[in-house]
Amino acid sequence: MPVALRIAGRMGRHALINDTYEPMQITHNNQPCWVARAVAPRYIFHSGKKRWCISKQIDDGARCWAYCETTSGGTDPSSCPGPWTCCDQDGEWRADNKVSCTSVPADNDKFVQLRMTLDADMRHYGLVDHSNLKSLWRRLDFNGNNIVSLAE
């Protein structure tokens, strides 16, 4: 059975990482990915450089909100020895011993499963990739004024 992850304990800047993350139908750097149950896009993924990251998009982790170094080949961040490192109010990265990542059962709710399917479909059609979205916008914004109207 797929496992979900619960991030808890972050206070202050980037407290938005506190959530339960459901397993996705994709991998990144040959590792599983998770998406937050919240509406806003938040993902847990492996950077490919010995880090599990939490960010608004799945990428190389360079602009993440928090990360945890991994020393073993674990398949999820709940097995990381910790601590999680987070960006504080002053823009400095510091270890936050209050942040925890635990495994929880994945939700069998039909709406959660539908969201996971929609996320996979959006990725399939390139609707989450920044460069694809820019290309689509240019096609919609026919006259280049950064406004799409019905006349276009």
Protein backbone atom coordinates (compact mmCIF):
# COMPACT_ATOMS: atom_id res chain seq x y z
CA MET A 1 0.00 0.00 0.00
CA PRO A 2 1.40 3.44 -0.91
CA VAL A 3 2.51 5.55 2.01
CA ALA A 4 1.69 9.21 2.56
CA LEU A 5 3.96 11.58 4.47
CA ARG A 6 3.10 14.06 7.20
CA ILE A 7 5.35 17.09 7.69
CA ALA A 8 4.80 18.86 11.00
CA GLY A 9 6.50 21.27 13.38
CA ARG A 10 7.54 24.15 11.12
CA MET A 11 6.71 27.58 12.53
CA GLY A 12 7.28 31.03 11.06
CA ARG A 13 8.50 31.38 7.51
CA HIS A 14 7.39 28.53 5.27
CA ALA A 15 5.08 27.01 7.87
CA LEU A 16 3.01 26.14 4.81
CA ILE A 17 5.11 22.98 4.44
CA ASN A 18 3.16 21.47 7.36
CA ASP A 19 0.70 19.16 5.63
CA THR A 20 0.02 15.59 4.63
CA TYR A 21 1.50 14.66 1.27
CA GLU A 22 -0.06 11.95 -0.90
CA PRO A 23 2.01 9.69 -3.19
CA MET A 24 2.02 10.72 -6.83
CA GLN A 25 2.00 8.52 -9.90
CA ILE A 26 5.35 9.87 -11.08
CA THR A 27 8.99 9.59 -10.06
CA HIS A 28 11.72 12.21 -10.13
CA ASN A 29 15.39 11.18 -10.18
CA ASN A 30 14.16 7.57 -9.92
CA GLN A 31 12.55 8.32 -6.55
CA PRO A 32 8.87 8.67 -5.61
CA CYS A 33 7.18 12.07 -5.26
CA TRP A 34 4.38 13.32 -3.04
CA VAL A 35 1.95 16.24 -3.36
CA ALA A 36 0.28 18.10 -0.50
CA ARG A 37 -3.42 17.57 0.11
CA ALA A 38 -3.77 21.36 0.16
CA VAL A 39 -4.85 23.20 -2.98
CA ALA A 40 -1.61 25.19 -3.33
CA PRO A 41 1.13 23.24 -5.13
CA ARG A 42 3.61 21.74 -2.68
CA TYR A 43 5.74 18.71 -3.40
CA ILE A 44 8.21 16.41 -1.71
CA PHE A 45 10.80 14.97 -4.09
CA HIS A 46 14.40 13.84 -4.29
CA SER A 47 16.83 16.36 -5.76
CA GLY A 48 19.15 13.70 -7.14
CA LYS A 49 21.88 15.13 -4.89
CA LYS A 50 21.25 13.28 -1.61
CA ARG A 51 18.42 15.61 -0.54
CA TRP A 52 14.70 15.26 -0.06
CA CYS A 53 13.17 18.67 -0.82
CA ILE A 54 9.87 20.43 -0.22
CA SER A 55 9.04 23.01 -2.86
CA LYS A 56 6.31 24.51 -5.02
CA GLN A 57 7.57 22.64 -8.07
CA ILE A 58 9.45 19.44 -8.80
CA ASP A 59 12.90 20.44 -10.02
CA ASP A 60 16.52 20.27 -8.83
CA GLY A 61 15.62 21.62 -5.37
CA ALA A 62 17.62 24.84 -5.74
CA ARG A 63 14.61 26.98 -4.73
CA CYS A 64 13.05 24.71 -2.13
CA TRP A 65 11.54 25.76 1.20
CA ALA A 66 13.12 22.92 3.19
CA TYR A 67 15.35 19.92 2.68
CA CYS A 68 16.72 16.93 4.55
CA GLU A 69 20.04 15.29 3.77
CA THR A 70 19.85 11.57 3.15
CA THR A 71 22.77 9.27 3.82
CA SER A 72 21.16 5.96 2.93
CA GLY A 73 19.25 4.88 -0.13
CA GLY A 74 15.87 5.21 1.58
CA THR A 75 12.80 5.44 -0.61
CA ASP A 76 11.15 8.23 1.36
CA PRO A 77 12.21 11.10 3.63
CA SER A 78 10.61 9.61 6.74
CA SER A 79 13.74 7.46 7.09
CA CYS A 80 16.12 10.45 6.97
CA PRO A 81 18.11 10.93 10.16
CA GLY A 82 17.37 14.68 10.02
CA PRO A 83 17.25 17.41 10.87
CA TRP A 84 15.30 19.29 8.23
CA THR A 85 16.97 22.50 7.09
CA CYS A 86 14.65 25.44 6.42
CA CYS A 87 15.02 29.00 5.19
CA ASP A 88 14.33 31.41 8.06
CA GLN A 89 12.90 34.96 8.11
CA ASP A 90 16.33 36.47 7.46
CA GLY A 91 16.91 34.28 4.39
CA GLU A 92 19.49 32.08 6.14
CA TRP A 93 19.30 28.29 6.06
CA ARG A 94 19.18 26.68 9.50
CA ALA A 95 18.44 23.24 10.91
CA ASP A 96 14.97 23.09 12.44
CA ASN A 97 14.79 20.21 14.92
CA LYS A 98 11.05 20.75 15.35
CA VAL A 99 10.26 19.68 11.78
CA SER A 100 9.39 16.01 11.48
CA CYS A 101 8.44 13.71 8.64
CA THR A 102 6.42 10.60 9.42
CA SER A 103 4.78 7.92 7.32
CA VAL A 104 0.99 7.76 7.45
CA PRO A 105 -1.49 5.67 5.47
CA ALA A 106 -2.38 7.11 2.07
CA ASP A 107 -5.91 8.49 1.77
CA ASN A 108 -8.39 6.32 -0.10
CA ASP A 109 -10.80 9.20 -0.58
CA LYS A 110 -12.09 9.31 -4.18
CA PHE A 111 -11.46 13.07 -4.48
CA VAL A 112 -7.82 12.68 -3.41
CA GLN A 113 -7.38 9.88 -5.93
CA LEU A 114 -9.03 12.04 -8.62
CA ARG A 115 -6.58 14.85 -7.83
CA MET A 116 -3.64 12.48 -8.22
CA THR A 117 -5.00 11.39 -11.61
CA LEU A 118 -5.50 15.00 -12.69
CA ASP A 119 -1.98 15.89 -11.66
CA ALA A 120 -0.61 13.04 -13.77
CA ASP A 121 -2.75 14.15 -16.74
CA MET A 122 -1.60 17.77 -16.40
CA ARG A 123 2.02 16.61 -16.45
CA HIS A 124 1.31 14.42 -19.47
CA TYR A 125 -0.03 17.43 -21.40
CA GLY A 126 2.74 19.77 -20.23
CA LEU A 127 0.50 21.99 -18.11
CA VAL A 128 2.88 22.17 -15.15
CA ASP A 129 6.15 22.74 -16.98
CA HIS A 130 7.07 26.43 -16.94
CA SER A 131 8.43 26.54 -20.50
CA ASN A 132 5.34 24.75 -21.87
CA LEU A 133 3.07 27.20 -20.06
CA LYS A 134 4.99 30.16 -21.51
CA SER A 135 4.64 28.70 -24.99
CA LEU A 136 0.91 28.16 -24.48
CA TRP A 137 0.52 31.73 -23.20
CA ARG A 138 2.27 33.14 -26.26
CA ARG A 139 -0.14 31.22 -28.47
CA LEU A 140 -3.14 32.54 -26.54
CA ASP A 141 -1.87 36.13 -26.32
CA PHE A 142 -2.05 36.69 -30.06
CA ASN A 143 -1.27 40.42 -30.05
CA GLY A 144 1.41 40.24 -27.33
CA ASN A 145 -0.16 42.66 -24.83
CA ASN A 146 -0.07 40.12 -21.94
CA ILE A 147 -3.85 40.05 -21.87
CA VAL A 148 -5.94 37.33 -23.42
CA SER A 149 -9.33 38.52 -24.53
CA LEU A 150 -12.18 36.73 -26.23
CA ALA A 151 -11.40 38.71 -29.39
CA GLU A 152 -8.06 36.90 -29.65
